Amino acid sequence: VFIQAESELGAINMVKGACAAGGVAMTATSAPGLALMQEGIGSMCTGRYPAVIIDMQRAVDLVNPAQYDYNIATKALGHSGLHALVYSASSIQEMMDVTIMAFRKAEQYRTPVYLLFDGMLGQMMEQAELPESVDALPQRDWCIGPNEGYSRASRFLMDSAETVSYTHLTLPTILR
């Protein structure tokens, strides 16, 4: 399902809501949009929402073209000072392969995963081989959406480390 957001802030919060409800979600943007998403990304990291964030890098300033996106993605996740998994690619085939891998890693570590792709790749076309099949993602027993075997009352999510520690969720070591 594709949903056009009204802004980058709206886009990242839709991704967060979809993840909390049990959906698998991603968003895509470019440098200025990535900067606007930082508060939502930091909140997603603190709440441990797995998602994929694609950034089509392009030159923002004349001093350090494309370093702007790299610095946001690798130096501190959102405004929380955490570090993210960051992947890139050098071809259309690699972009597809690494995107599938990014969803797996986001689920495995329950964190947003950045995909930094070159803006020129986003404007190219080439043949790519689709995988024969992609395994289903694991059951999400932590989300507020429907999951067999888990009662709705036992699941809730919060956005701060102080309140998450009181739920059945466990925080990654980096947040403690």
N, C-alpha and C. Protein backbone atom coordinates (compact mmCIF):
# COMPACT_ATOMS: atom_id res chain seq x y z
N VAL A 1 0.85 -1.17 0.00
CA VAL A 1 0.00 0.00 0.00
C VAL A 1 0.89 1.23 0.00
N PHE A 2 0.60 2.17 -0.87
CA PHE A 2 1.34 3.43 -0.93
C PHE A 2 0.44 4.54 -0.42
N ILE A 3 0.93 5.33 0.49
CA ILE A 3 0.18 6.48 1.01
C ILE A 3 1.06 7.71 0.86
N GLN A 4 0.54 8.72 0.18
CA GLN A 4 1.26 9.98 0.01
C GLN A 4 1.06 10.83 1.26
N ALA A 5 2.13 11.13 1.95
CA ALA A 5 2.04 11.96 3.15
C ALA A 5 2.04 13.44 2.77
N GLU A 6 1.52 14.25 3.65
CA GLU A 6 1.47 15.68 3.40
C GLU A 6 2.81 16.35 3.65
N SER A 7 3.67 15.70 4.44
CA SER A 7 4.98 16.26 4.75
C SER A 7 5.88 15.14 5.25
N GLU A 8 7.15 15.45 5.43
CA GLU A 8 8.08 14.47 5.97
C GLU A 8 7.73 14.11 7.40
N LEU A 9 7.28 15.08 8.16
CA LEU A 9 6.86 14.83 9.54
C LEU A 9 5.67 13.87 9.56
N GLY A 10 4.73 14.10 8.67
CA GLY A 10 3.58 13.20 8.57
C GLY A 10 4.00 11.81 8.12
N ALA A 11 4.95 11.73 7.20
CA ALA A 11 5.40 10.44 6.67
C ALA A 11 6.03 9.58 7.75
N ILE A 12 6.94 10.16 8.53
CA ILE A 12 7.62 9.35 9.54
C ILE A 12 6.66 8.93 10.65
N ASN A 13 5.70 9.77 10.96
CA ASN A 13 4.72 9.39 11.99
C ASN A 13 3.74 8.35 11.48
N MET A 14 3.45 8.35 10.18
CA MET A 14 2.63 7.27 9.61
C MET A 14 3.38 5.95 9.67
N VAL A 15 4.67 5.98 9.40
CA VAL A 15 5.48 4.77 9.48
C VAL A 15 5.49 4.25 10.92
N LYS A 16 5.66 5.15 11.85
CA LYS A 16 5.66 4.77 13.28
C LYS A 16 4.33 4.14 13.67
N GLY A 17 3.23 4.74 13.26
CA GLY A 17 1.91 4.20 13.57
C GLY A 17 1.68 2.84 12.94
N ALA A 18 2.11 2.68 11.70
CA ALA A 18 1.96 1.39 11.02
C ALA A 18 2.75 0.31 11.74
N CYS A 19 3.97 0.62 12.17
CA CYS A 19 4.80 -0.35 12.90
C CYS A 19 4.15 -0.72 14.23
N ALA A 20 3.65 0.26 14.95
CA ALA A 20 3.02 -0.02 16.24
C ALA A 20 1.80 -0.91 16.08
N ALA A 21 1.10 -0.78 14.97
CA ALA A 21 -0.10 -1.57 14.72
C ALA A 21 0.22 -2.95 14.13
N GLY A 22 1.49 -3.24 13.90
CA GLY A 22 1.88 -4.55 13.40
C GLY A 22 2.22 -4.59 11.94
N GLY A 23 2.19 -3.47 11.27
CA GLY A 23 2.52 -3.43 9.85
C GLY A 23 4.01 -3.35 9.61
N VAL A 24 4.40 -3.69 8.42
CA VAL A 24 5.79 -3.54 7.98
C VAL A 24 5.82 -2.26 7.16
N ALA A 25 6.68 -1.32 7.53
CA ALA A 25 6.60 0.00 6.91
C ALA A 25 7.97 0.55 6.53
N MET A 26 7.95 1.40 5.53
CA MET A 26 9.15 2.13 5.10
C MET A 26 8.72 3.49 4.57
N THR A 27 9.68 4.37 4.48
CA THR A 27 9.47 5.66 3.85
C THR A 27 10.72 6.01 3.06
N ALA A 28 10.59 6.94 2.15
CA ALA A 28 11.73 7.38 1.34
C ALA A 28 11.71 8.90 1.26
N THR A 29 12.90 9.49 1.23
CA THR A 29 13.01 10.94 1.19
C THR A 29 14.38 11.30 0.62
N SER A 30 14.70 12.58 0.69
CA SER A 30 16.02 13.06 0.31
C SER A 30 16.53 13.94 1.45
N ALA A 31 17.70 14.51 1.29
CA ALA A 31 18.39 15.20 2.38
C ALA A 31 17.53 16.17 3.20
N PRO A 32 16.88 17.14 2.60
CA PRO A 32 16.09 18.05 3.42
C PRO A 32 14.96 17.34 4.17
N GLY A 33 14.36 16.34 3.53
CA GLY A 33 13.29 15.58 4.18
C GLY A 33 13.80 14.76 5.34
N LEU A 34 15.00 14.21 5.22
CA LEU A 34 15.59 13.41 6.29
C LEU A 34 15.81 14.27 7.54
N ALA A 35 16.23 15.49 7.34
CA ALA A 35 16.43 16.40 8.48
C ALA A 35 15.11 16.65 9.21
N LEU A 36 14.03 16.78 8.45
CA LEU A 36 12.73 17.04 9.07
C LEU A 36 12.17 15.81 9.81
N MET A 37 12.66 14.64 9.48
CA MET A 37 12.17 13.40 10.09
C MET A 37 12.90 13.04 11.39
N GLN A 38 13.92 13.78 11.77
CA GLN A 38 14.78 13.35 12.87
C GLN A 38 14.07 13.15 14.21
N GLU A 39 13.15 14.00 14.56
CA GLU A 39 12.45 13.82 15.84
C GLU A 39 11.65 12.52 15.85
N GLY A 40 10.96 12.23 14.76
CA GLY A 40 10.19 10.99 14.66
C GLY A 40 11.08 9.76 14.64
N ILE A 41 12.22 9.85 13.99
CA ILE A 41 13.15 8.72 13.94
C ILE A 41 13.73 8.45 15.33
N GLY A 42 14.08 9.49 16.06
CA GLY A 42 14.57 9.31 17.43
C GLY A 42 13.52 8.66 18.31
N SER A 43 12.28 9.07 18.15
CA SER A 43 11.18 8.47 18.90
C SER A 43 10.98 7.00 18.53
N MET A 44 11.11 6.69 17.25
CA MET A 44 10.98 5.29 16.81
C MET A 44 12.09 4.43 17.39
N CYS A 45 13.29 4.98 17.48
CA CYS A 45 14.42 4.23 18.02
C CYS A 45 14.20 3.96 19.51
N THR A 46 13.77 4.96 20.23
CA THR A 46 13.52 4.79 21.66
C THR A 46 12.41 3.78 21.91
N GLY A 47 11.36 3.80 21.09
CA GLY A 47 10.26 2.86 21.24
C GLY A 47 10.51 1.51 20.58
N ARG A 48 11.65 1.37 19.89
CA ARG A 48 12.06 0.14 19.22
C ARG A 48 11.10 -0.29 18.12
N TYR A 49 10.78 0.63 17.24
CA TYR A 49 9.92 0.37 16.09
C TYR A 49 10.78 -0.01 14.89
N PRO A 50 10.66 -1.21 14.36
CA PRO A 50 11.46 -1.59 13.19
C PRO A 50 10.88 -1.00 11.91
N ALA A 51 11.68 -0.31 11.15
CA ALA A 51 11.23 0.28 9.90
C ALA A 51 12.44 0.53 9.01
N VAL A 52 12.18 0.77 7.74
CA VAL A 52 13.25 1.08 6.79
C VAL A 52 13.05 2.51 6.30
N ILE A 53 14.14 3.28 6.33
CA ILE A 53 14.11 4.67 5.88
C ILE A 53 15.09 4.79 4.73
N ILE A 54 14.57 5.03 3.54
CA ILE A 54 15.42 5.19 2.37
C ILE A 54 15.70 6.67 2.13
N ASP A 55 16.96 6.98 1.96
CA ASP A 55 17.36 8.36 1.68
C ASP A 55 18.10 8.38 0.35
N MET A 56 17.51 9.04 -0.63
CA MET A 56 18.17 9.22 -1.92
C MET A 56 19.05 10.45 -1.79
N GLN A 57 20.34 10.22 -1.59
CA GLN A 57 21.28 11.30 -1.31
C GLN A 57 21.48 12.18 -2.53
N ARG A 58 21.55 13.45 -2.27
CA ARG A 58 21.86 14.41 -3.32
C ARG A 58 22.63 15.56 -2.70
N ALA A 59 23.30 16.31 -3.51
CA ALA A 59 24.09 17.43 -3.00
C ALA A 59 23.18 18.47 -2.38
N VAL A 60 23.48 18.86 -1.15
CA VAL A 60 22.67 19.87 -0.46
C VAL A 60 23.38 21.20 -0.45
N ASP A 61 24.67 21.17 -0.22
CA ASP A 61 25.42 22.42 -0.23
C ASP A 61 26.65 22.26 -1.12
N LEU A 62 27.33 23.33 -1.35
CA LEU A 62 28.48 23.28 -2.24
C LEU A 62 29.76 22.87 -1.52
N VAL A 63 29.77 22.88 -0.19
CA VAL A 63 30.97 22.55 0.56
C VAL A 63 31.14 21.04 0.69
N ASN A 64 30.11 20.36 1.15
CA ASN A 64 30.17 18.91 1.35
C ASN A 64 28.97 18.21 0.71
N PRO A 65 28.89 18.12 -0.59
CA PRO A 65 27.75 17.43 -1.20
C PRO A 65 27.64 16.00 -0.69
N ALA A 66 26.44 15.58 -0.36
CA ALA A 66 26.09 14.24 0.09
C ALA A 66 26.62 13.89 1.48
N GLN A 67 27.54 14.63 2.04
CA GLN A 67 28.01 14.34 3.39
C GLN A 67 26.95 14.66 4.42
N TYR A 68 26.06 15.57 4.11
CA TYR A 68 24.98 15.96 5.00
C TYR A 68 24.15 14.74 5.40
N ASP A 69 23.69 13.96 4.41
CA ASP A 69 22.88 12.77 4.67
C ASP A 69 23.68 11.72 5.44
N TYR A 70 24.92 11.53 5.03
CA TYR A 70 25.79 10.56 5.69
C TYR A 70 25.95 10.90 7.17
N ASN A 71 26.19 12.16 7.47
CA ASN A 71 26.38 12.57 8.86
C ASN A 71 25.12 12.36 9.69
N ILE A 72 23.96 12.67 9.15
CA ILE A 72 22.71 12.46 9.88
C ILE A 72 22.52 10.97 10.18
N ALA A 73 22.76 10.13 9.20
CA ALA A 73 22.49 8.69 9.35
C ALA A 73 23.52 7.97 10.22
N THR A 74 24.77 8.38 10.18
CA THR A 74 25.80 7.62 10.87
C THR A 74 26.26 8.21 12.20
N LYS A 75 26.11 9.50 12.38
CA LYS A 75 26.65 10.12 13.59
C LYS A 75 25.69 10.06 14.78
N ALA A 76 24.40 10.21 14.54
CA ALA A 76 23.44 10.13 15.64
C ALA A 76 22.05 9.91 15.05
N LEU A 77 21.39 8.89 15.52
CA LEU A 77 20.06 8.55 15.03
C LEU A 77 19.04 9.50 15.65
N GLY A 78 18.37 10.26 14.81
CA GLY A 78 17.41 11.24 15.33
C GLY A 78 18.14 12.22 16.23
N HIS A 79 17.48 12.64 17.30
CA HIS A 79 18.09 13.55 18.26
C HIS A 79 18.50 12.80 19.52
N SER A 80 18.50 11.47 19.47
CA SER A 80 18.73 10.69 20.67
C SER A 80 20.17 10.24 20.86
N GLY A 81 21.05 10.51 19.91
CA GLY A 81 22.45 10.15 20.05
C GLY A 81 22.75 8.68 19.83
N LEU A 82 21.77 7.92 19.37
CA LEU A 82 21.99 6.50 19.10
C LEU A 82 22.54 6.31 17.70
N HIS A 83 23.08 5.15 17.42
CA HIS A 83 23.60 4.85 16.09
C HIS A 83 22.71 3.83 15.41
N ALA A 84 22.62 3.93 14.11
CA ALA A 84 21.72 3.08 13.33
C ALA A 84 22.50 2.12 12.45
N LEU A 85 21.78 1.11 11.96
CA LEU A 85 22.31 0.28 10.89
C LEU A 85 22.14 1.09 9.62
N VAL A 86 23.19 1.22 8.84
CA VAL A 86 23.16 2.01 7.62
C VAL A 86 23.75 1.17 6.50
N TYR A 87 23.01 1.05 5.41
CA TYR A 87 23.47 0.28 4.26
C TYR A 87 23.40 1.15 3.01
N SER A 88 24.17 0.76 2.01
CA SER A 88 24.15 1.47 0.74
C SER A 88 24.28 0.46 -0.39
N ALA A 89 24.26 0.93 -1.61
CA ALA A 89 24.34 0.04 -2.78
C ALA A 89 25.00 0.78 -3.93
N SER A 90 25.51 0.01 -4.90
CA SER A 90 26.16 0.63 -6.05
C SER A 90 25.49 0.27 -7.37
N SER A 91 24.35 -0.44 -7.30
CA SER A 91 23.62 -0.78 -8.53
C SER A 91 22.14 -0.96 -8.18
N ILE A 92 21.31 -1.04 -9.19
CA ILE A 92 19.89 -1.25 -8.99
C ILE A 92 19.66 -2.62 -8.33
N GLN A 93 20.37 -3.63 -8.78
CA GLN A 93 20.24 -4.98 -8.18
C GLN A 93 20.60 -4.94 -6.70
N GLU A 94 21.69 -4.28 -6.36
CA GLU A 94 22.08 -4.17 -4.96
C GLU A 94 21.06 -3.39 -4.15
N MET A 95 20.45 -2.36 -4.75
CA MET A 95 19.43 -1.59 -4.04
C MET A 95 18.26 -2.51 -3.65
N MET A 96 17.84 -3.37 -4.54
CA MET A 96 16.75 -4.29 -4.25
C MET A 96 17.17 -5.29 -3.18
N ASP A 97 18.35 -5.87 -3.33
CA ASP A 97 18.82 -6.88 -2.38
C ASP A 97 19.01 -6.31 -0.98
N VAL A 98 19.61 -5.13 -0.90
CA VAL A 98 19.87 -4.55 0.41
C VAL A 98 18.57 -4.06 1.07
N THR A 99 17.56 -3.72 0.28
CA THR A 99 16.27 -3.32 0.84
C THR A 99 15.60 -4.52 1.52
N ILE A 100 15.65 -5.67 0.89
CA ILE A 100 15.09 -6.88 1.51
C ILE A 100 15.85 -7.19 2.79
N MET A 101 17.18 -7.10 2.75
CA MET A 101 17.99 -7.35 3.93
C MET A 101 17.69 -6.34 5.04
N ALA A 102 17.45 -5.09 4.68
CA ALA A 102 17.18 -4.05 5.67
C ALA A 102 15.92 -4.36 6.48
N PHE A 103 14.88 -4.87 5.83
CA PHE A 103 13.67 -5.24 6.57
C PHE A 103 13.97 -6.35 7.57
N ARG A 104 14.80 -7.31 7.18
CA ARG A 104 15.19 -8.40 8.09
C ARG A 104 15.96 -7.86 9.30
N LYS A 105 16.91 -6.98 9.03
CA LYS A 105 17.72 -6.42 10.12
C LYS A 105 16.88 -5.53 11.04
N ALA A 106 15.96 -4.77 10.47
CA ALA A 106 15.08 -3.93 11.29
C ALA A 106 14.28 -4.80 12.26
N GLU A 107 13.76 -5.92 11.78
CA GLU A 107 13.01 -6.84 12.64
C GLU A 107 13.91 -7.50 13.67
N GLN A 108 15.08 -7.93 13.22
CA GLN A 108 16.01 -8.63 14.12
C GLN A 108 16.42 -7.76 15.29
N TYR A 109 16.74 -6.50 15.02
CA TYR A 109 17.23 -5.61 16.07
C TYR A 109 16.18 -4.62 16.57
N ARG A 110 14.98 -4.68 16.01
CA ARG A 110 13.88 -3.78 16.35
C ARG A 110 14.35 -2.32 16.40
N THR A 111 14.77 -1.85 15.25
CA THR A 111 15.26 -0.49 15.13
C THR A 111 15.03 0.01 13.71
N PRO A 112 14.94 1.31 13.52
CA PRO A 112 14.92 1.83 12.15
C PRO A 112 16.25 1.55 11.47
N VAL A 113 16.21 1.25 10.18
CA VAL A 113 17.41 0.98 9.39
C VAL A 113 17.44 1.98 8.24
N TYR A 114 18.59 2.65 8.08
CA TYR A 114 18.76 3.61 6.99
C TYR A 114 19.32 2.91 5.75
N LEU A 115 18.80 3.29 4.60
CA LEU A 115 19.39 2.91 3.32
C LEU A 115 19.78 4.20 2.62
N LEU A 116 21.07 4.41 2.48
CA LEU A 116 21.57 5.61 1.81
C LEU A 116 21.91 5.25 0.37
N PHE A 117 21.10 5.73 -0.55
CA PHE A 117 21.32 5.45 -1.97
C PHE A 117 21.67 6.74 -2.68
N ASP A 118 22.50 6.63 -3.70
CA ASP A 118 22.90 7.78 -4.48
C ASP A 118 21.72 8.27 -5.31
N GLY A 119 21.51 9.57 -5.34
CA GLY A 119 20.41 10.16 -6.08
C GLY A 119 20.41 9.79 -7.56
N MET A 120 21.59 9.59 -8.14
CA MET A 120 21.67 9.22 -9.55
C MET A 120 21.12 7.81 -9.78
N LEU A 121 21.33 6.89 -8.83
CA LEU A 121 20.77 5.54 -8.96
C LEU A 121 19.25 5.59 -8.98
N GLY A 122 18.69 6.53 -8.26
CA GLY A 122 17.25 6.66 -8.22
C GLY A 122 16.64 7.10 -9.54
N GLN A 123 17.47 7.57 -10.46
CA GLN A 123 16.98 8.02 -11.76
C GLN A 123 17.39 7.07 -12.89
N MET A 124 17.95 5.92 -12.51
CA MET A 124 18.42 4.97 -13.51
C MET A 124 17.48 3.78 -13.65
N MET A 125 17.65 3.07 -14.75
CA MET A 125 16.91 1.82 -14.97
C MET A 125 17.90 0.76 -15.40
N GLU A 126 17.73 -0.45 -14.88
CA GLU A 126 18.49 -1.60 -15.34
C GLU A 126 17.74 -2.86 -14.93
N GLN A 127 18.05 -3.96 -15.55
CA GLN A 127 17.40 -5.21 -15.21
C GLN A 127 17.90 -5.68 -13.85
N ALA A 128 16.98 -6.28 -13.11
CA ALA A 128 17.34 -6.84 -11.80
C ALA A 128 16.56 -8.14 -11.63
N GLU A 129 17.17 -9.09 -10.95
CA GLU A 129 16.52 -10.37 -10.70
C GLU A 129 15.82 -10.34 -9.35
N LEU A 130 14.52 -10.62 -9.37
CA LEU A 130 13.76 -10.72 -8.14
C LEU A 130 14.05 -12.06 -7.48
N PRO A 131 14.08 -12.12 -6.15
CA PRO A 131 14.28 -13.40 -5.50
C PRO A 131 13.08 -14.30 -5.76
N GLU A 132 13.32 -15.63 -5.78
CA GLU A 132 12.21 -16.56 -6.03
C GLU A 132 11.14 -16.45 -4.97
N SER A 133 11.55 -16.32 -3.73
CA SER A 133 10.59 -16.12 -2.64
C SER A 133 11.29 -15.39 -1.51
N VAL A 134 10.49 -14.73 -0.73
CA VAL A 134 11.00 -14.02 0.43
C VAL A 134 10.25 -14.57 1.63
N ASP A 135 10.99 -15.06 2.63
CA ASP A 135 10.36 -15.63 3.82
C ASP A 135 9.56 -14.56 4.56
N ALA A 136 8.49 -15.00 5.19
CA ALA A 136 7.66 -14.08 5.98
C ALA A 136 8.46 -13.59 7.18
N LEU A 137 8.16 -12.39 7.60
CA LEU A 137 8.81 -11.84 8.79
C LEU A 137 8.26 -12.56 10.03
N PRO A 138 9.02 -12.56 11.12
CA PRO A 138 8.56 -13.26 12.33
C PRO A 138 7.33 -12.61 12.95
N GLN A 139 6.63 -13.39 13.78
CA GLN A 139 5.45 -12.88 14.50
C GLN A 139 5.87 -11.70 15.37
N ARG A 140 5.09 -10.66 15.37
CA ARG A 140 5.38 -9.47 16.17
C ARG A 140 4.55 -9.51 17.45
N ASP A 141 5.04 -10.16 18.47
CA ASP A 141 4.29 -10.28 19.72
C ASP A 141 4.31 -8.99 20.55
N TRP A 142 5.11 -8.01 20.14
CA TRP A 142 5.24 -6.77 20.90
C TRP A 142 4.31 -5.67 20.42
N CYS A 143 3.73 -5.79 19.25
CA CYS A 143 2.95 -4.68 18.69
C CYS A 143 1.51 -4.69 19.21
N ILE A 144 0.81 -3.59 18.96
CA ILE A 144 -0.57 -3.48 19.43
C ILE A 144 -1.57 -4.06 18.45
N GLY A 145 -1.09 -4.50 17.31
CA GLY A 145 -1.97 -5.10 16.29
C GLY A 145 -2.31 -6.54 16.62
N PRO A 146 -3.08 -7.19 15.76
CA PRO A 146 -3.52 -8.56 16.03
C PRO A 146 -2.38 -9.57 15.93
N ASN A 147 -2.21 -10.37 16.96
CA ASN A 147 -1.24 -11.45 16.99
C ASN A 147 -1.88 -12.63 17.70
N GLU A 148 -1.90 -13.77 17.05
CA GLU A 148 -2.50 -14.95 17.68
C GLU A 148 -1.71 -15.33 18.93
N GLY A 149 -2.43 -15.71 19.97
CA GLY A 149 -1.80 -16.18 21.19
C GLY A 149 -1.41 -15.09 22.17
N TYR A 150 -1.64 -13.84 21.83
CA TYR A 150 -1.30 -12.75 22.73
C TYR A 150 -2.55 -11.91 22.97
N SER A 151 -2.81 -11.61 24.23
CA SER A 151 -4.00 -10.80 24.52
C SER A 151 -3.69 -9.33 24.29
N ARG A 152 -4.64 -8.60 23.80
CA ARG A 152 -4.46 -7.19 23.49
C ARG A 152 -4.07 -6.37 24.72
N ALA A 153 -4.61 -6.72 25.88
CA ALA A 153 -4.34 -5.96 27.09
C ALA A 153 -2.87 -6.03 27.52
N SER A 154 -2.14 -7.06 27.11
CA SER A 154 -0.76 -7.20 27.57
C SER A 154 0.24 -6.42 26.74
N ARG A 155 -0.21 -5.74 25.69
CA ARG A 155 0.72 -5.04 24.81
C ARG A 155 0.44 -3.54 24.79
N PHE A 156 1.44 -2.77 25.07
CA PHE A 156 1.35 -1.34 24.84
C PHE A 156 2.75 -0.80 24.64
N LEU A 157 2.85 0.29 23.92
CA LEU A 157 4.14 0.87 23.57
C LEU A 157 4.20 2.31 24.07
N MET A 158 5.37 2.72 24.49
CA MET A 158 5.58 4.09 24.92
C MET A 158 6.78 4.64 24.17
N ASP A 159 6.98 5.94 24.25
CA ASP A 159 8.06 6.56 23.51
C ASP A 159 9.26 6.98 24.35
N SER A 160 9.23 6.75 25.63
CA SER A 160 10.39 7.16 26.42
C SER A 160 11.00 5.96 27.12
N ALA A 161 12.29 6.01 27.32
CA ALA A 161 13.00 4.89 27.94
C ALA A 161 12.48 4.63 29.36
N GLU A 162 12.06 5.66 30.06
CA GLU A 162 11.59 5.49 31.43
C GLU A 162 10.30 4.66 31.48
N THR A 163 9.38 4.89 30.55
CA THR A 163 8.12 4.16 30.59
C THR A 163 8.21 2.80 29.91
N VAL A 164 9.06 2.66 28.90
CA VAL A 164 9.20 1.37 28.23
C VAL A 164 9.73 0.32 29.19
N SER A 165 10.60 0.73 30.13
CA SER A 165 11.19 -0.23 31.05
C SER A 165 10.14 -0.88 31.95
N TYR A 166 8.96 -0.30 32.09
CA TYR A 166 7.91 -0.88 32.93
C TYR A 166 7.00 -1.83 32.17
N THR A 167 7.18 -1.95 30.88
CA THR A 167 6.38 -2.88 30.10
C THR A 167 7.11 -4.20 29.98
N HIS A 168 6.54 -5.12 29.23
CA HIS A 168 7.20 -6.41 29.02
C HIS A 168 8.33 -6.31 28.01
N LEU A 169 8.54 -5.13 27.41
CA LEU A 169 9.61 -4.95 26.44
C LEU A 169 10.94 -4.82 27.15
N THR A 170 11.98 -5.25 26.52
CA THR A 170 13.32 -5.07 27.07
C THR A 170 14.06 -4.08 26.20
N LEU A 171 14.80 -3.21 26.82
CA LEU A 171 15.54 -2.18 26.09
C LEU A 171 16.89 -2.71 25.65
N PRO A 172 17.36 -2.28 24.49
CA PRO A 172 18.72 -2.64 24.10
C PRO A 172 19.72 -2.00 25.07
N THR A 173 20.86 -2.59 25.20
CA THR A 173 21.87 -2.12 26.13
C THR A 173 22.21 -0.65 25.92
N ILE A 174 22.21 -0.21 24.67
CA ILE A 174 22.59 1.17 24.38
C ILE A 174 21.63 2.18 25.01
N LEU A 175 20.38 1.80 25.30
CA LEU A 175 19.42 2.71 25.90
C LEU A 175 19.47 2.72 27.41
N ARG A 176 20.08 1.74 28.01
CA ARG A 176 20.10 1.64 29.49
C ARG A 176 21.07 2.62 30.10
